Structure formats: C-alpha cells, structure tokens
Amino acid sequence: MESENPTLPESGSNFPEPHGFNPKAASRFTGMSESWLSKARMGITPTKGPRFKKVGRRVIYTLDSLNEFLNS
C-alpha cells in the first residue's frame, strides 16, 4: 500500500519517532546510501553529510538536520 508521503519511511524500528532517524531510515529519507552516510560521518566524502548526534553508540539524525542537508 502506498503511503501518503513516500519520502518518509514506515513506522517501526527503522524510524524511532521521538528521537529521530537511525542511519537506515536516514538513508531512505535522503536517498543516500547507509555506506555514504557512514563515510560522511567519518569525514571521508567530498561533501559534508547531515548533522548527527551520538546517543551512546547509536547514531541519530534529526528531521531538521536531514531537511537542512537536502536543501543545501
């Protein structure tokens, strides 16, 4: 079934709504691969990736940071 907004991932473990997007959900939202996002976090891509936060060992992208990245 098609969702109303095809750019947003479906709810579930890949989209922890209260905290933000995990790398898999961020990948689906931005259209960038998880591998590229990982490399961007390490600073080894020609362009900067979206801002992210670390919560323990987890990487979290906020909706604002992903939209800022997509609009830049």
PDB file of N, CA and C in Angstrom:
ATOM      1  N   MET A   1       0.836  -1.172   0.000  1.00  0.00           N
ATOM      2  CA  MET A   1       0.000   0.000   0.000  1.00  0.00           C
ATOM      3  C   MET A   1       0.884   1.239   0.000  1.00  0.00           C
ATOM      4  N   GLU A   2       0.568   2.203  -0.822  1.00  0.00           N
ATOM      5  CA  GLU A   2       1.321   3.450  -0.908  1.00  0.00           C
ATOM      6  C   GLU A   2       1.042   4.315   0.308  1.00  0.00           C
ATOM      7  N   SER A   3       2.096   4.933   0.843  1.00  0.00           N
ATOM      8  CA  SER A   3       1.886   5.854   1.957  1.00  0.00           C
ATOM      9  C   SER A   3       1.563   7.239   1.412  1.00  0.00           C
ATOM     10  N   GLU A   4       1.002   8.078   2.264  1.00  0.00           N
ATOM     11  CA  GLU A   4       0.637   9.422   1.833  1.00  0.00           C
ATOM     12  C   GLU A   4       1.865  10.240   1.467  1.00  0.00           C
ATOM     13  N   ASN A   5       2.948  10.084   2.195  1.00  0.00           N
ATOM     14  CA  ASN A   5       4.183  10.797   1.930  1.00  0.00           C
ATOM     15  C   ASN A   5       5.270   9.776   1.629  1.00  0.00           C
ATOM     16  N   PRO A   6       5.580   9.536   0.362  1.00  0.00           N
ATOM     17  CA  PRO A   6       6.503   8.459   0.023  1.00  0.00           C
ATOM     18  C   PRO A   6       7.938   8.715   0.469  1.00  0.00           C
ATOM     19  N   THR A   7       8.301   9.937   0.883  1.00  0.00           N
ATOM     20  CA  THR A   7       9.673  10.197   1.295  1.00  0.00           C
ATOM     21  C   THR A   7       9.929   9.766   2.729  1.00  0.00           C
ATOM     22  N   LEU A   8       8.879   9.608   3.536  1.00  0.00           N
ATOM     23  CA  LEU A   8       9.057   9.200   4.920  1.00  0.00           C
ATOM     24  C   LEU A   8       9.053   7.682   5.032  1.00  0.00           C
ATOM     25  N   PRO A   9       9.972   7.121   5.807  1.00  0.00           N
ATOM     26  CA  PRO A   9       9.955   5.671   5.997  1.00  0.00           C
ATOM     27  C   PRO A   9       8.757   5.254   6.835  1.00  0.00           C
ATOM     28  N   GLU A  10       8.393   3.996   6.709  1.00  0.00           N
ATOM     29  CA  GLU A  10       7.286   3.480   7.510  1.00  0.00           C
ATOM     30  C   GLU A  10       7.686   3.457   8.977  1.00  0.00           C
ATOM     31  N   SER A  11       6.702   3.543   9.846  1.00  0.00           N
ATOM     32  CA  SER A  11       6.988   3.473  11.279  1.00  0.00           C
ATOM     33  C   SER A  11       7.526   2.099  11.626  1.00  0.00           C
ATOM     34  N   GLY A  12       8.293   2.023  12.682  1.00  0.00           N
ATOM     35  CA  GLY A  12       8.870   0.759  13.117  1.00  0.00           C
ATOM     36  C   GLY A  12      10.257   0.988  13.671  1.00  0.00           C
ATOM     37  N   SER A  13      11.028  -0.063  13.753  1.00  0.00           N
ATOM     38  CA  SER A  13      12.350   0.033  14.364  1.00  0.00           C
ATOM     39  C   SER A  13      13.305   0.913  13.572  1.00  0.00           C
ATOM     40  N   ASN A  14      13.040   1.141  12.289  1.00  0.00           N
ATOM     41  CA  ASN A  14      13.915   1.988  11.485  1.00  0.00           C
ATOM     42  C   ASN A  14      13.576   3.467  11.617  1.00  0.00           C
ATOM     43  N   PHE A  15      12.553   3.795  12.377  1.00  0.00           N
ATOM     44  CA  PHE A  15      12.116   5.189  12.468  1.00  0.00           C
ATOM     45  C   PHE A  15      11.677   5.489  13.893  1.00  0.00           C
ATOM     46  N   PRO A  16      12.648   5.654  14.809  1.00  0.00           N
ATOM     47  CA  PRO A  16      12.279   5.959  16.192  1.00  0.00           C
ATOM     48  C   PRO A  16      11.785   7.403  16.299  1.00  0.00           C
ATOM     49  N   GLU A  17      10.488   7.602  16.167  1.00  0.00           N
ATOM     50  CA  GLU A  17       9.905   8.932  16.046  1.00  0.00           C
ATOM     51  C   GLU A  17      10.303   9.921  17.142  1.00  0.00           C
ATOM     52  N   PRO A  18      10.331   9.559  18.427  1.00  0.00           N
ATOM     53  CA  PRO A  18      10.646  10.569  19.438  1.00  0.00           C
ATOM     54  C   PRO A  18      12.075  11.092  19.351  1.00  0.00           C
ATOM     55  N   HIS A  19      13.002  10.283  18.857  1.00  0.00           N
ATOM     56  CA  HIS A  19      14.406  10.664  18.890  1.00  0.00           C
ATOM     57  C   HIS A  19      14.951  11.116  17.545  1.00  0.00           C
ATOM     58  N   GLY A  20      14.459  10.609  16.471  1.00  0.00           N
ATOM     59  CA  GLY A  20      14.967  10.952  15.152  1.00  0.00           C
ATOM     60  C   GLY A  20      15.117   9.719  14.280  1.00  0.00           C
ATOM     61  N   PHE A  21      15.982   9.829  13.293  1.00  0.00           N
ATOM     62  CA  PHE A  21      16.185   8.776  12.307  1.00  0.00           C
ATOM     63  C   PHE A  21      17.476   8.015  12.602  1.00  0.00           C
ATOM     64  N   ASN A  22      17.422   6.705  12.560  1.00  0.00           N
ATOM     65  CA  ASN A  22      18.655   5.941  12.614  1.00  0.00           C
ATOM     66  C   ASN A  22      19.267   5.962  11.209  1.00  0.00           C
ATOM     67  N   PRO A  23      20.494   5.474  11.010  1.00  0.00           N
ATOM     68  CA  PRO A  23      21.118   5.560   9.684  1.00  0.00           C
ATOM     69  C   PRO A  23      20.313   4.913   8.556  1.00  0.00           C
ATOM     70  N   LYS A  24      19.654   3.793   8.834  1.00  0.00           N
ATOM     71  CA  LYS A  24      18.872   3.137   7.779  1.00  0.00           C
ATOM     72  C   LYS A  24      17.696   4.013   7.349  1.00  0.00           C
ATOM     73  N   ALA A  25      16.980   4.571   8.321  1.00  0.00           N
ATOM     74  CA  ALA A  25      15.849   5.444   7.995  1.00  0.00           C
ATOM     75  C   ALA A  25      16.331   6.739   7.341  1.00  0.00           C
ATOM     76  N   ALA A  26      17.456   7.271   7.810  1.00  0.00           N
ATOM     77  CA  ALA A  26      18.021   8.486   7.205  1.00  0.00           C
ATOM     78  C   ALA A  26      18.415   8.224   5.756  1.00  0.00           C
ATOM     79  N   SER A  27      18.928   7.036   5.493  1.00  0.00           N
ATOM     80  CA  SER A  27      19.281   6.659   4.134  1.00  0.00           C
ATOM     81  C   SER A  27      18.057   6.649   3.226  1.00  0.00           C
ATOM     82  N   ARG A  28      16.989   6.061   3.709  1.00  0.00           N
ATOM     83  CA  ARG A  28      15.748   6.010   2.919  1.00  0.00           C
ATOM     84  C   ARG A  28      15.180   7.409   2.718  1.00  0.00           C
ATOM     85  N   PHE A  29      15.269   8.251   3.736  1.00  0.00           N
ATOM     86  CA  PHE A  29      14.709   9.605   3.666  1.00  0.00           C
ATOM     87  C   PHE A  29      15.495  10.480   2.702  1.00  0.00           C
ATOM     88  N   THR A  30      16.823  10.386   2.720  1.00  0.00           N
ATOM     89  CA  THR A  30      17.659  11.261   1.895  1.00  0.00           C
ATOM     90  C   THR A  30      17.954  10.700   0.511  1.00  0.00           C
ATOM     91  N   GLY A  31      17.847   9.383   0.353  1.00  0.00           N
ATOM     92  CA  GLY A  31      18.222   8.767  -0.909  1.00  0.00           C
ATOM     93  C   GLY A  31      19.717   8.488  -0.995  1.00  0.00           C
ATOM     94  N   MET A  32      20.451   8.754   0.076  1.00  0.00           N
ATOM     95  CA  MET A  32      21.881   8.459   0.135  1.00  0.00           C
ATOM     96  C   MET A  32      22.035   7.073   0.763  1.00  0.00           C
ATOM     97  N   SER A  33      23.079   6.355   0.372  1.00  0.00           N
ATOM     98  CA  SER A  33      23.265   5.014   0.927  1.00  0.00           C
ATOM     99  C   SER A  33      23.722   5.092   2.380  1.00  0.00           C
ATOM    100  N   GLU A  34      23.471   4.028   3.126  1.00  0.00           N
ATOM    101  CA  GLU A  34      23.958   3.959   4.502  1.00  0.00           C
ATOM    102  C   GLU A  34      25.476   4.047   4.527  1.00  0.00           C
ATOM    103  N   SER A  35      26.118   3.449   3.541  1.00  0.00           N
ATOM    104  CA  SER A  35      27.579   3.488   3.459  1.00  0.00           C
ATOM    105  C   SER A  35      28.066   4.925   3.280  1.00  0.00           C
ATOM    106  N   TRP A  36      27.406   5.681   2.407  1.00  0.00           N
ATOM    107  CA  TRP A  36      27.810   7.078   2.199  1.00  0.00           C
ATOM    108  C   TRP A  36      27.624   7.884   3.477  1.00  0.00           C
ATOM    109  N   LEU A  37      26.496   7.692   4.169  1.00  0.00           N
ATOM    110  CA  LEU A  37      26.268   8.418   5.424  1.00  0.00           C
ATOM    111  C   LEU A  37      27.349   8.075   6.447  1.00  0.00           C
ATOM    112  N   SER A  38      27.738   6.810   6.507  1.00  0.00           N
ATOM    113  CA  SER A  38      28.788   6.399   7.427  1.00  0.00           C
ATOM    114  C   SER A  38      30.111   7.083   7.086  1.00  0.00           C
ATOM    115  N   LYS A  39      30.451   7.103   5.810  1.00  0.00           N
ATOM    116  CA  LYS A  39      31.690   7.751   5.379  1.00  0.00           C
ATOM    117  C   LYS A  39      31.630   9.260   5.624  1.00  0.00           C
ATOM    118  N   ALA A  40      30.460   9.862   5.430  1.00  0.00           N
ATOM    119  CA  ALA A  40      30.306  11.299   5.680  1.00  0.00           C
ATOM    120  C   ALA A  40      30.513  11.608   7.164  1.00  0.00           C
ATOM    121  N   ARG A  41      30.036  10.716   8.041  1.00  0.00           N
ATOM    122  CA  ARG A  41      30.259  10.909   9.484  1.00  0.00           C
ATOM    123  C   ARG A  41      31.745  10.868   9.818  1.00  0.00           C
ATOM    124  N   MET A  42      32.507  10.077   9.086  1.00  0.00           N
ATOM    125  CA  MET A  42      33.954   9.971   9.323  1.00  0.00           C
ATOM    126  C   MET A  42      34.734  11.073   8.613  1.00  0.00           C
ATOM    127  N   GLY A  43      34.046  11.843   7.764  1.00  0.00           N
ATOM    128  CA  GLY A  43      34.706  12.939   7.067  1.00  0.00           C
ATOM    129  C   GLY A  43      35.517  12.528   5.855  1.00  0.00           C
ATOM    130  N   ILE A  44      35.192  11.389   5.248  1.00  0.00           N
ATOM    131  CA  ILE A  44      35.974  10.932   4.093  1.00  0.00           C
ATOM    132  C   ILE A  44      35.189  11.007   2.784  1.00  0.00           C
ATOM    133  N   THR A  45      34.196  11.876   2.727  1.00  0.00           N
ATOM    134  CA  THR A  45      33.466  12.115   1.485  1.00  0.00           C
ATOM    135  C   THR A  45      33.794  13.529   1.013  1.00  0.00           C
ATOM    136  N   PRO A  46      33.680  13.784  -0.288  1.00  0.00           N
ATOM    137  CA  PRO A  46      33.974  15.129  -0.795  1.00  0.00           C
ATOM    138  C   PRO A  46      33.018  16.196  -0.259  1.00  0.00           C
ATOM    139  N   THR A  47      31.803  15.798   0.070  1.00  0.00           N
ATOM    140  CA  THR A  47      30.832  16.759   0.607  1.00  0.00           C
ATOM    141  C   THR A  47      30.462  16.362   2.029  1.00  0.00           C
ATOM    142  N   LYS A  48      30.031  17.361   2.804  1.00  0.00           N
ATOM    143  CA  LYS A  48      29.617  17.088   4.180  1.00  0.00           C
ATOM    144  C   LYS A  48      28.259  16.407   4.187  1.00  0.00           C
ATOM    145  N   GLY A  49      28.071  15.514   5.118  1.00  0.00           N
ATOM    146  CA  GLY A  49      26.792  14.847   5.295  1.00  0.00           C
ATOM    147  C   GLY A  49      25.924  15.619   6.273  1.00  0.00           C
ATOM    148  N   PRO A  50      24.759  15.093   6.576  1.00  0.00           N
ATOM    149  CA  PRO A  50      23.875  15.757   7.538  1.00  0.00           C
ATOM    150  C   PRO A  50      24.444  15.702   8.957  1.00  0.00           C
ATOM    151  N   ARG A  51      24.085  16.698   9.758  1.00  0.00           N
ATOM    152  CA  ARG A  51      24.495  16.705  11.161  1.00  0.00           C
ATOM    153  C   ARG A  51      23.871  15.501  11.856  1.00  0.00           C
ATOM    154  N   PHE A  52      24.554  14.963  12.834  1.00  0.00           N
ATOM    155  CA  PHE A  52      24.060  13.795  13.563  1.00  0.00           C
ATOM    156  C   PHE A  52      24.428  13.919  15.030  1.00  0.00           C
ATOM    157  N   LYS A  53      23.782  13.108  15.840  1.00  0.00           N
ATOM    158  CA  LYS A  53      24.069  13.041  17.268  1.00  0.00           C
ATOM    159  C   LYS A  53      24.406  11.603  17.612  1.00  0.00           C
ATOM    160  N   LYS A  54      25.233  11.430  18.624  1.00  0.00           N
ATOM    161  CA  LYS A  54      25.517  10.100  19.145  1.00  0.00           C
ATOM    162  C   LYS A  54      24.796   9.970  20.476  1.00  0.00           C
ATOM    163  N   VAL A  55      24.033   8.912  20.623  1.00  0.00           N
ATOM    164  CA  VAL A  55      23.362   8.593  21.875  1.00  0.00           C
ATOM    165  C   VAL A  55      23.916   7.229  22.282  1.00  0.00           C
ATOM    166  N   GLY A  56      24.902   7.271  23.159  1.00  0.00           N
ATOM    167  CA  GLY A  56      25.641   6.047  23.440  1.00  0.00           C
ATOM    168  C   GLY A  56      26.398   5.659  22.182  1.00  0.00           C
ATOM    169  N   ARG A  57      26.129   4.474  21.682  1.00  0.00           N
ATOM    170  CA  ARG A  57      26.760   4.025  20.437  1.00  0.00           C
ATOM    171  C   ARG A  57      25.868   4.256  19.224  1.00  0.00           C
ATOM    172  N   ARG A  58      24.646   4.703  19.472  1.00  0.00           N
ATOM    173  CA  ARG A  58      23.678   4.906  18.385  1.00  0.00           C
ATOM    174  C   ARG A  58      23.899   6.239  17.694  1.00  0.00           C
ATOM    175  N   VAL A  59      23.705   6.262  16.387  1.00  0.00           N
ATOM    176  CA  VAL A  59      23.770   7.483  15.589  1.00  0.00           C
ATOM    177  C   VAL A  59      22.341   7.899  15.294  1.00  0.00           C
ATOM    178  N   ILE A  60      22.022   9.175  15.548  1.00  0.00           N
ATOM    179  CA  ILE A  60      20.673   9.689  15.336  1.00  0.00           C
ATOM    180  C   ILE A  60      20.750  10.947  14.474  1.00  0.00           C
ATOM    181  N   TYR A  61      19.893  11.007  13.459  1.00  0.00           N
ATOM    182  CA  TYR A  61      19.742  12.196  12.625  1.00  0.00           C
ATOM    183  C   TYR A  61      18.386  12.812  12.943  1.00  0.00           C
ATOM    184  N   THR A  62      18.350  14.121  13.187  1.00  0.00           N
ATOM    185  CA  THR A  62      17.063  14.775  13.414  1.00  0.00           C
ATOM    186  C   THR A  62      16.433  15.118  12.073  1.00  0.00           C
ATOM    187  N   LEU A  63      15.138  15.294  12.082  1.00  0.00           N
ATOM    188  CA  LEU A  63      14.433  15.688  10.863  1.00  0.00           C
ATOM    189  C   LEU A  63      14.964  17.021  10.361  1.00  0.00           C
ATOM    190  N   ASP A  64      15.222  17.957  11.270  1.00  0.00           N
ATOM    191  CA  ASP A  64      15.753  19.266  10.874  1.00  0.00           C
ATOM    192  C   ASP A  64      17.101  19.132  10.181  1.00  0.00           C
ATOM    193  N   SER A  65      17.984  18.284  10.719  1.00  0.00           N
ATOM    194  CA  SER A  65      19.311  18.146  10.112  1.00  0.00           C
ATOM    195  C   SER A  65      19.222  17.494   8.732  1.00  0.00           C
ATOM    196  N   LEU A  66      18.305  16.550   8.560  1.00  0.00           N
ATOM    197  CA  LEU A  66      18.146  15.918   7.245  1.00  0.00           C
ATOM    198  C   LEU A  66      17.555  16.890   6.232  1.00  0.00           C
ATOM    199  N   ASN A  67      16.561  17.662   6.655  1.00  0.00           N
ATOM    200  CA  ASN A  67      15.993  18.655   5.735  1.00  0.00           C
ATOM    201  C   ASN A  67      17.009  19.729   5.373  1.00  0.00           C
ATOM    202  N   GLU A  68      17.800  20.159   6.355  1.00  0.00           N
ATOM    203  CA  GLU A  68      18.855  21.149   6.092  1.00  0.00           C
ATOM    204  C   GLU A  68      19.845  20.599   5.069  1.00  0.00           C
ATOM    205  N   PHE A  69      20.239  19.337   5.227  1.00  0.00           N
ATOM    206  CA  PHE A  69      21.155  18.692   4.295  1.00  0.00           C
ATOM    207  C   PHE A  69      20.550  18.622   2.893  1.00  0.00           C
ATOM    208  N   LEU A  70      19.307  18.212   2.790  1.00  0.00           N
ATOM    209  CA  LEU A  70      18.657  18.073   1.489  1.00  0.00           C
ATOM    210  C   LEU A  70      18.451  19.428   0.799  1.00  0.00           C
ATOM    211  N   ASN A  71      18.271  20.475   1.569  1.00  0.00           N
ATOM    212  CA  ASN A  71      18.036  21.801   0.993  1.00  0.00           C
ATOM    213  C   ASN A  71      19.317  22.584   0.738  1.00  0.00           C
ATOM    214  N   SER A  72      20.469  22.017   1.096  1.00  0.00           N
ATOM    215  CA  SER A  72      21.731  22.749   0.896  1.00  0.00           C
ATOM    216  C   SER A  72      22.293  22.508  -0.490  1.00  0.00           C
TER     217      SER A  72
END
